[in-house]
Amino acid sequence: MSYTNGSKDGYNLGYSDALAGKKKNPVSLLEGMKQALRPQTYTETFLDGYSQGWRDGNRKRNGV
């Protein structure tokens, strides 16, 4: 995962979490530590992207 685009990284993680049937959890300990090294805008776009990816992944998993 490259840390150049927060929303893209977040979307990909959220999508894969939802497909795996995981609960919505945008910030694991490791992700949180990595994000702490990033600017605020990265973290905000990461969380937005994660939410969107999680919704899309959940829809796909549920066949909607």
PDB file of N, CA and C in Angstrom:
ATOM      1  N   MET A   1       0.841  -1.172   0.000  1.00  0.00           N
ATOM      2  CA  MET A   1       0.000   0.000   0.000  1.00  0.00           C
ATOM      3  C   MET A   1       0.887   1.235   0.000  1.00  0.00           C
ATOM      4  N   SER A   2       0.695   2.078  -0.957  1.00  0.00           N
ATOM      5  CA  SER A   2       1.492   3.299  -0.989  1.00  0.00           C
ATOM      6  C   SER A   2       0.775   4.375  -0.194  1.00  0.00           C
ATOM      7  N   TYR A   3       1.535   5.228   0.435  1.00  0.00           N
ATOM      8  CA  TYR A   3       0.931   6.277   1.244  1.00  0.00           C
ATOM      9  C   TYR A   3       1.066   7.624   0.561  1.00  0.00           C
ATOM     10  N   THR A   4       0.626   7.677  -0.686  1.00  0.00           N
ATOM     11  CA  THR A   4       0.664   8.934  -1.416  1.00  0.00           C
ATOM     12  C   THR A   4      -0.717   9.548  -1.503  1.00  0.00           C
ATOM     13  N   ASN A   5      -1.752   8.715  -1.510  1.00  0.00           N
ATOM     14  CA  ASN A   5      -3.110   9.203  -1.662  1.00  0.00           C
ATOM     15  C   ASN A   5      -3.967   8.583  -0.568  1.00  0.00           C
ATOM     16  N   GLY A   6      -4.312   9.383   0.424  1.00  0.00           N
ATOM     17  CA  GLY A   6      -5.054   8.869   1.570  1.00  0.00           C
ATOM     18  C   GLY A   6      -6.379   8.246   1.219  1.00  0.00           C
ATOM     19  N   SER A   7      -7.133   8.895   0.340  1.00  0.00           N
ATOM     20  CA  SER A   7      -8.465   8.370   0.050  1.00  0.00           C
ATOM     21  C   SER A   7      -8.391   7.053  -0.712  1.00  0.00           C
ATOM     22  N   LYS A   8      -7.418   6.925  -1.599  1.00  0.00           N
ATOM     23  CA  LYS A   8      -7.265   5.676  -2.362  1.00  0.00           C
ATOM     24  C   LYS A   8      -6.843   4.537  -1.432  1.00  0.00           C
ATOM     25  N   ASP A   9      -5.895   4.806  -0.556  1.00  0.00           N
ATOM     26  CA  ASP A   9      -5.450   3.794   0.401  1.00  0.00           C
ATOM     27  C   ASP A   9      -6.602   3.378   1.311  1.00  0.00           C
ATOM     28  N   GLY A  10      -7.346   4.368   1.788  1.00  0.00           N
ATOM     29  CA  GLY A  10      -8.467   4.088   2.678  1.00  0.00           C
ATOM     30  C   GLY A  10      -9.549   3.294   1.989  1.00  0.00           C
ATOM     31  N   TYR A  11      -9.829   3.664   0.744  1.00  0.00           N
ATOM     32  CA  TYR A  11     -10.868   2.968  -0.019  1.00  0.00           C
ATOM     33  C   TYR A  11     -10.498   1.500  -0.193  1.00  0.00           C
ATOM     34  N   ASN A  12      -9.266   1.249  -0.593  1.00  0.00           N
ATOM     35  CA  ASN A  12      -8.819  -0.131  -0.819  1.00  0.00           C
ATOM     36  C   ASN A  12      -8.899  -0.967   0.454  1.00  0.00           C
ATOM     37  N   LEU A  13      -8.497  -0.384   1.572  1.00  0.00           N
ATOM     38  CA  LEU A  13      -8.535  -1.110   2.838  1.00  0.00           C
ATOM     39  C   LEU A  13      -9.978  -1.359   3.268  1.00  0.00           C
ATOM     40  N   GLY A  14     -10.824  -0.350   3.144  1.00  0.00           N
ATOM     41  CA  GLY A  14     -12.228  -0.501   3.521  1.00  0.00           C
ATOM     42  C   GLY A  14     -12.930  -1.538   2.670  1.00  0.00           C
ATOM     43  N   TYR A  15     -12.645  -1.519   1.379  1.00  0.00           N
ATOM     44  CA  TYR A  15     -13.272  -2.459   0.448  1.00  0.00           C
ATOM     45  C   TYR A  15     -12.879  -3.892   0.796  1.00  0.00           C
ATOM     46  N   SER A  16     -11.594  -4.114   1.032  1.00  0.00           N
ATOM     47  CA  SER A  16     -11.139  -5.475   1.342  1.00  0.00           C
ATOM     48  C   SER A  16     -11.655  -5.931   2.707  1.00  0.00           C
ATOM     49  N   ASP A  17     -11.743  -5.016   3.680  1.00  0.00           N
ATOM     50  CA  ASP A  17     -12.293  -5.373   4.992  1.00  0.00           C
ATOM     51  C   ASP A  17     -13.746  -5.804   4.873  1.00  0.00           C
ATOM     52  N   ALA A  18     -14.532  -5.058   4.098  1.00  0.00           N
ATOM     53  CA  ALA A  18     -15.955  -5.371   3.950  1.00  0.00           C
ATOM     54  C   ALA A  18     -16.144  -6.702   3.229  1.00  0.00           C
ATOM     55  N   LEU A  19     -15.358  -6.946   2.185  1.00  0.00           N
ATOM     56  CA  LEU A  19     -15.465  -8.219   1.461  1.00  0.00           C
ATOM     57  C   LEU A  19     -15.110  -9.397   2.363  1.00  0.00           C
ATOM     58  N   ALA A  20     -14.206  -9.170   3.289  1.00  0.00           N
ATOM     59  CA  ALA A  20     -13.800 -10.229   4.216  1.00  0.00           C
ATOM     60  C   ALA A  20     -14.804 -10.384   5.357  1.00  0.00           C
ATOM     61  N   GLY A  21     -15.820  -9.520   5.387  1.00  0.00           N
ATOM     62  CA  GLY A  21     -16.841  -9.601   6.424  1.00  0.00           C
ATOM     63  C   GLY A  21     -16.402  -9.040   7.756  1.00  0.00           C
ATOM     64  N   LYS A  22     -15.369  -8.201   7.746  1.00  0.00           N
ATOM     65  CA  LYS A  22     -14.902  -7.606   8.994  1.00  0.00           C
ATOM     66  C   LYS A  22     -15.812  -6.449   9.392  1.00  0.00           C
ATOM     67  N   LYS A  23     -15.805  -6.145  10.681  1.00  0.00           N
ATOM     68  CA  LYS A  23     -16.534  -4.971  11.142  1.00  0.00           C
ATOM     69  C   LYS A  23     -15.789  -3.736  10.671  1.00  0.00           C
ATOM     70  N   LYS A  24     -16.522  -2.642  10.576  1.00  0.00           N
ATOM     71  CA  LYS A  24     -15.917  -1.391  10.117  1.00  0.00           C
ATOM     72  C   LYS A  24     -14.914  -0.914  11.161  1.00  0.00           C
ATOM     73  N   ASN A  25     -13.658  -0.902  10.805  1.00  0.00           N
ATOM     74  CA  ASN A  25     -12.602  -0.490  11.724  1.00  0.00           C
ATOM     75  C   ASN A  25     -11.485   0.155  10.917  1.00  0.00           C
ATOM     76  N   PRO A  26     -11.598   1.466  10.663  1.00  0.00           N
ATOM     77  CA  PRO A  26     -10.646   2.116   9.768  1.00  0.00           C
ATOM     78  C   PRO A  26      -9.232   2.211  10.304  1.00  0.00           C
ATOM     79  N   VAL A  27      -9.062   2.171  11.627  1.00  0.00           N
ATOM     80  CA  VAL A  27      -7.722   2.400  12.144  1.00  0.00           C
ATOM     81  C   VAL A  27      -7.294   1.274  13.073  1.00  0.00           C
ATOM     82  N   SER A  28      -6.581   0.322  12.514  1.00  0.00           N
ATOM     83  CA  SER A  28      -5.967  -0.695  13.361  1.00  0.00           C
ATOM     84  C   SER A  28      -4.756  -0.040  14.022  1.00  0.00           C
ATOM     85  N   LEU A  29      -4.158  -0.714  14.960  1.00  0.00           N
ATOM     86  CA  LEU A  29      -3.003  -0.139  15.653  1.00  0.00           C
ATOM     87  C   LEU A  29      -1.891   0.217  14.674  1.00  0.00           C
ATOM     88  N   LEU A  30      -1.591  -0.695  13.763  1.00  0.00           N
ATOM     89  CA  LEU A  30      -0.514  -0.445  12.805  1.00  0.00           C
ATOM     90  C   LEU A  30      -0.855   0.716  11.877  1.00  0.00           C
ATOM     91  N   GLU A  31      -2.083   0.724  11.351  1.00  0.00           N
ATOM     92  CA  GLU A  31      -2.485   1.814  10.467  1.00  0.00           C
ATOM     93  C   GLU A  31      -2.428   3.142  11.207  1.00  0.00           C
ATOM     94  N   GLY A  32      -2.871   3.132  12.452  1.00  0.00           N
ATOM     95  CA  GLY A  32      -2.848   4.355  13.245  1.00  0.00           C
ATOM     96  C   GLY A  32      -1.438   4.886  13.418  1.00  0.00           C
ATOM     97  N   MET A  33      -0.497   3.978  13.638  1.00  0.00           N
ATOM     98  CA  MET A  33       0.892   4.396  13.805  1.00  0.00           C
ATOM     99  C   MET A  33       1.441   4.969  12.506  1.00  0.00           C
ATOM    100  N   LYS A  34       1.105   4.333  11.385  1.00  0.00           N
ATOM    101  CA  LYS A  34       1.576   4.837  10.095  1.00  0.00           C
ATOM    102  C   LYS A  34       0.966   6.198   9.800  1.00  0.00           C
ATOM    103  N   GLN A  35      -0.331   6.344  10.095  1.00  0.00           N
ATOM    104  CA  GLN A  35      -1.005   7.603   9.810  1.00  0.00           C
ATOM    105  C   GLN A  35      -0.479   8.742  10.668  1.00  0.00           C
ATOM    106  N   ALA A  36      -0.011   8.417  11.869  1.00  0.00           N
ATOM    107  CA  ALA A  36       0.504   9.451  12.759  1.00  0.00           C
ATOM    108  C   ALA A  36       1.693  10.174  12.128  1.00  0.00           C
ATOM    109  N   LEU A  37       2.342   9.513  11.178  1.00  0.00           N
ATOM    110  CA  LEU A  37       3.494  10.113  10.510  1.00  0.00           C
ATOM    111  C   LEU A  37       3.084  10.950   9.299  1.00  0.00           C
ATOM    112  N   ARG A  38       1.796  10.961   8.998  1.00  0.00           N
ATOM    113  CA  ARG A  38       1.297  11.661   7.809  1.00  0.00           C
ATOM    114  C   ARG A  38       0.649  12.983   8.188  1.00  0.00           C
ATOM    115  N   PRO A  39       0.522  13.882   7.225  1.00  0.00           N
ATOM    116  CA  PRO A  39      -0.176  15.140   7.499  1.00  0.00           C
ATOM    117  C   PRO A  39      -1.658  14.903   7.791  1.00  0.00           C
ATOM    118  N   GLN A  40      -2.285  15.867   8.434  1.00  0.00           N
ATOM    119  CA  GLN A  40      -3.690  15.767   8.812  1.00  0.00           C
ATOM    120  C   GLN A  40      -4.589  15.499   7.611  1.00  0.00           C
ATOM    121  N   THR A  41      -4.306  16.133   6.489  1.00  0.00           N
ATOM    122  CA  THR A  41      -5.162  15.950   5.317  1.00  0.00           C
ATOM    123  C   THR A  41      -5.135  14.508   4.839  1.00  0.00           C
ATOM    124  N   TYR A  42      -4.008  13.845   4.979  1.00  0.00           N
ATOM    125  CA  TYR A  42      -3.933  12.433   4.582  1.00  0.00           C
ATOM    126  C   TYR A  42      -4.886  11.605   5.437  1.00  0.00           C
ATOM    127  N   THR A  43      -4.848  11.811   6.735  1.00  0.00           N
ATOM    128  CA  THR A  43      -5.684  11.032   7.645  1.00  0.00           C
ATOM    129  C   THR A  43      -7.159  11.267   7.370  1.00  0.00           C
ATOM    130  N   GLU A  44      -7.540  12.522   7.136  1.00  0.00           N
ATOM    131  CA  GLU A  44      -8.943  12.834   6.862  1.00  0.00           C
ATOM    132  C   GLU A  44      -9.415  12.165   5.578  1.00  0.00           C
ATOM    133  N   THR A  45      -8.619  12.249   4.520  1.00  0.00           N
ATOM    134  CA  THR A  45      -9.036  11.633   3.260  1.00  0.00           C
ATOM    135  C   THR A  45      -8.992  10.114   3.364  1.00  0.00           C
ATOM    136  N   PHE A  46      -8.075   9.584   4.178  1.00  0.00           N
ATOM    137  CA  PHE A  46      -8.008   8.139   4.395  1.00  0.00           C
ATOM    138  C   PHE A  46      -9.315   7.648   5.023  1.00  0.00           C
ATOM    139  N   LEU A  47      -9.788   8.341   6.042  1.00  0.00           N
ATOM    140  CA  LEU A  47     -11.015   7.930   6.730  1.00  0.00           C
ATOM    141  C   LEU A  47     -12.230   8.055   5.818  1.00  0.00           C
ATOM    142  N   ASP A  48     -12.274   9.113   5.019  1.00  0.00           N
ATOM    143  CA  ASP A  48     -13.375   9.270   4.051  1.00  0.00           C
ATOM    144  C   ASP A  48     -13.351   8.130   3.039  1.00  0.00           C
ATOM    145  N   GLY A  49     -12.179   7.844   2.520  1.00  0.00           N
ATOM    146  CA  GLY A  49     -12.037   6.777   1.537  1.00  0.00           C
ATOM    147  C   GLY A  49     -12.390   5.423   2.117  1.00  0.00           C
ATOM    148  N   TYR A  50     -11.992   5.211   3.359  1.00  0.00           N
ATOM    149  CA  TYR A  50     -12.293   3.934   4.016  1.00  0.00           C
ATOM    150  C   TYR A  50     -13.803   3.735   4.123  1.00  0.00           C
ATOM    151  N   SER A  51     -14.513   4.774   4.538  1.00  0.00           N
ATOM    152  CA  SER A  51     -15.969   4.670   4.683  1.00  0.00           C
ATOM    153  C   SER A  51     -16.630   4.311   3.369  1.00  0.00           C
ATOM    154  N   GLN A  52     -16.217   4.979   2.307  1.00  0.00           N
ATOM    155  CA  GLN A  52     -16.800   4.708   0.990  1.00  0.00           C
ATOM    156  C   GLN A  52     -16.449   3.298   0.520  1.00  0.00           C
ATOM    157  N   GLY A  53     -15.215   2.902   0.697  1.00  0.00           N
ATOM    158  CA  GLY A  53     -14.792   1.565   0.291  1.00  0.00           C
ATOM    159  C   GLY A  53     -15.511   0.482   1.070  1.00  0.00           C
ATOM    160  N   TRP A  54     -15.712   0.728   2.358  1.00  0.00           N
ATOM    161  CA  TRP A  54     -16.389  -0.255   3.194  1.00  0.00           C
ATOM    162  C   TRP A  54     -17.838  -0.427   2.739  1.00  0.00           C
ATOM    163  N   ARG A  55     -18.505   0.678   2.435  1.00  0.00           N
ATOM    164  CA  ARG A  55     -19.896   0.603   1.949  1.00  0.00           C
ATOM    165  C   ARG A  55     -19.967  -0.163   0.633  1.00  0.00           C
ATOM    166  N   ASP A  56     -19.083   0.172  -0.296  1.00  0.00           N
ATOM    167  CA  ASP A  56     -19.091  -0.499  -1.605  1.00  0.00           C
ATOM    168  C   ASP A  56     -18.785  -1.989  -1.466  1.00  0.00           C
ATOM    169  N   GLY A  57     -17.799  -2.313  -0.645  1.00  0.00           N
ATOM    170  CA  GLY A  57     -17.428  -3.707  -0.442  1.00  0.00           C
ATOM    171  C   GLY A  57     -18.545  -4.505   0.210  1.00  0.00           C
ATOM    172  N   ASN A  58     -19.234  -3.884   1.149  1.00  0.00           N
ATOM    173  CA  ASN A  58     -20.343  -4.553   1.824  1.00  0.00           C
ATOM    174  C   ASN A  58     -21.488  -4.815   0.849  1.00  0.00           C
ATOM    175  N   ARG A  59     -21.761  -3.852  -0.016  1.00  0.00           N
ATOM    176  CA  ARG A  59     -22.808  -4.038  -1.028  1.00  0.00           C
ATOM    177  C   ARG A  59     -22.454  -5.200  -1.947  1.00  0.00           C
ATOM    178  N   LYS A  60     -21.206  -5.263  -2.361  1.00  0.00           N
ATOM    179  CA  LYS A  60     -20.782  -6.345  -3.257  1.00  0.00           C
ATOM    180  C   LYS A  60     -20.881  -7.699  -2.542  1.00  0.00           C
ATOM    181  N   ARG A  61     -20.459  -7.731  -1.298  1.00  0.00           N
ATOM    182  CA  ARG A  61     -20.498  -8.978  -0.528  1.00  0.00           C
ATOM    183  C   ARG A  61     -21.934  -9.460  -0.337  1.00  0.00           C
ATOM    184  N   ASN A  62     -22.853  -8.520  -0.175  1.00  0.00           N
ATOM    185  CA  ASN A  62     -24.262  -8.871   0.031  1.00  0.00           C
ATOM    186  C   ASN A  62     -25.020  -9.028  -1.279  1.00  0.00           C
ATOM    187  N   GLY A  63     -24.337  -8.858  -2.392  1.00  0.00           N
ATOM    188  CA  GLY A  63     -24.942  -9.060  -3.702  1.00  0.00           C
ATOM    189  C   GLY A  63     -25.961  -8.008  -4.087  1.00  0.00           C
ATOM    190  N   VAL A  64     -25.775  -6.791  -3.587  1.00  0.00           N
ATOM    191  CA  VAL A  64     -26.718  -5.707  -3.909  1.00  0.00           C
ATOM    192  C   VAL A  64     -26.206  -4.928  -5.103  1.00  0.00           C
TER     193      VAL A  64
END
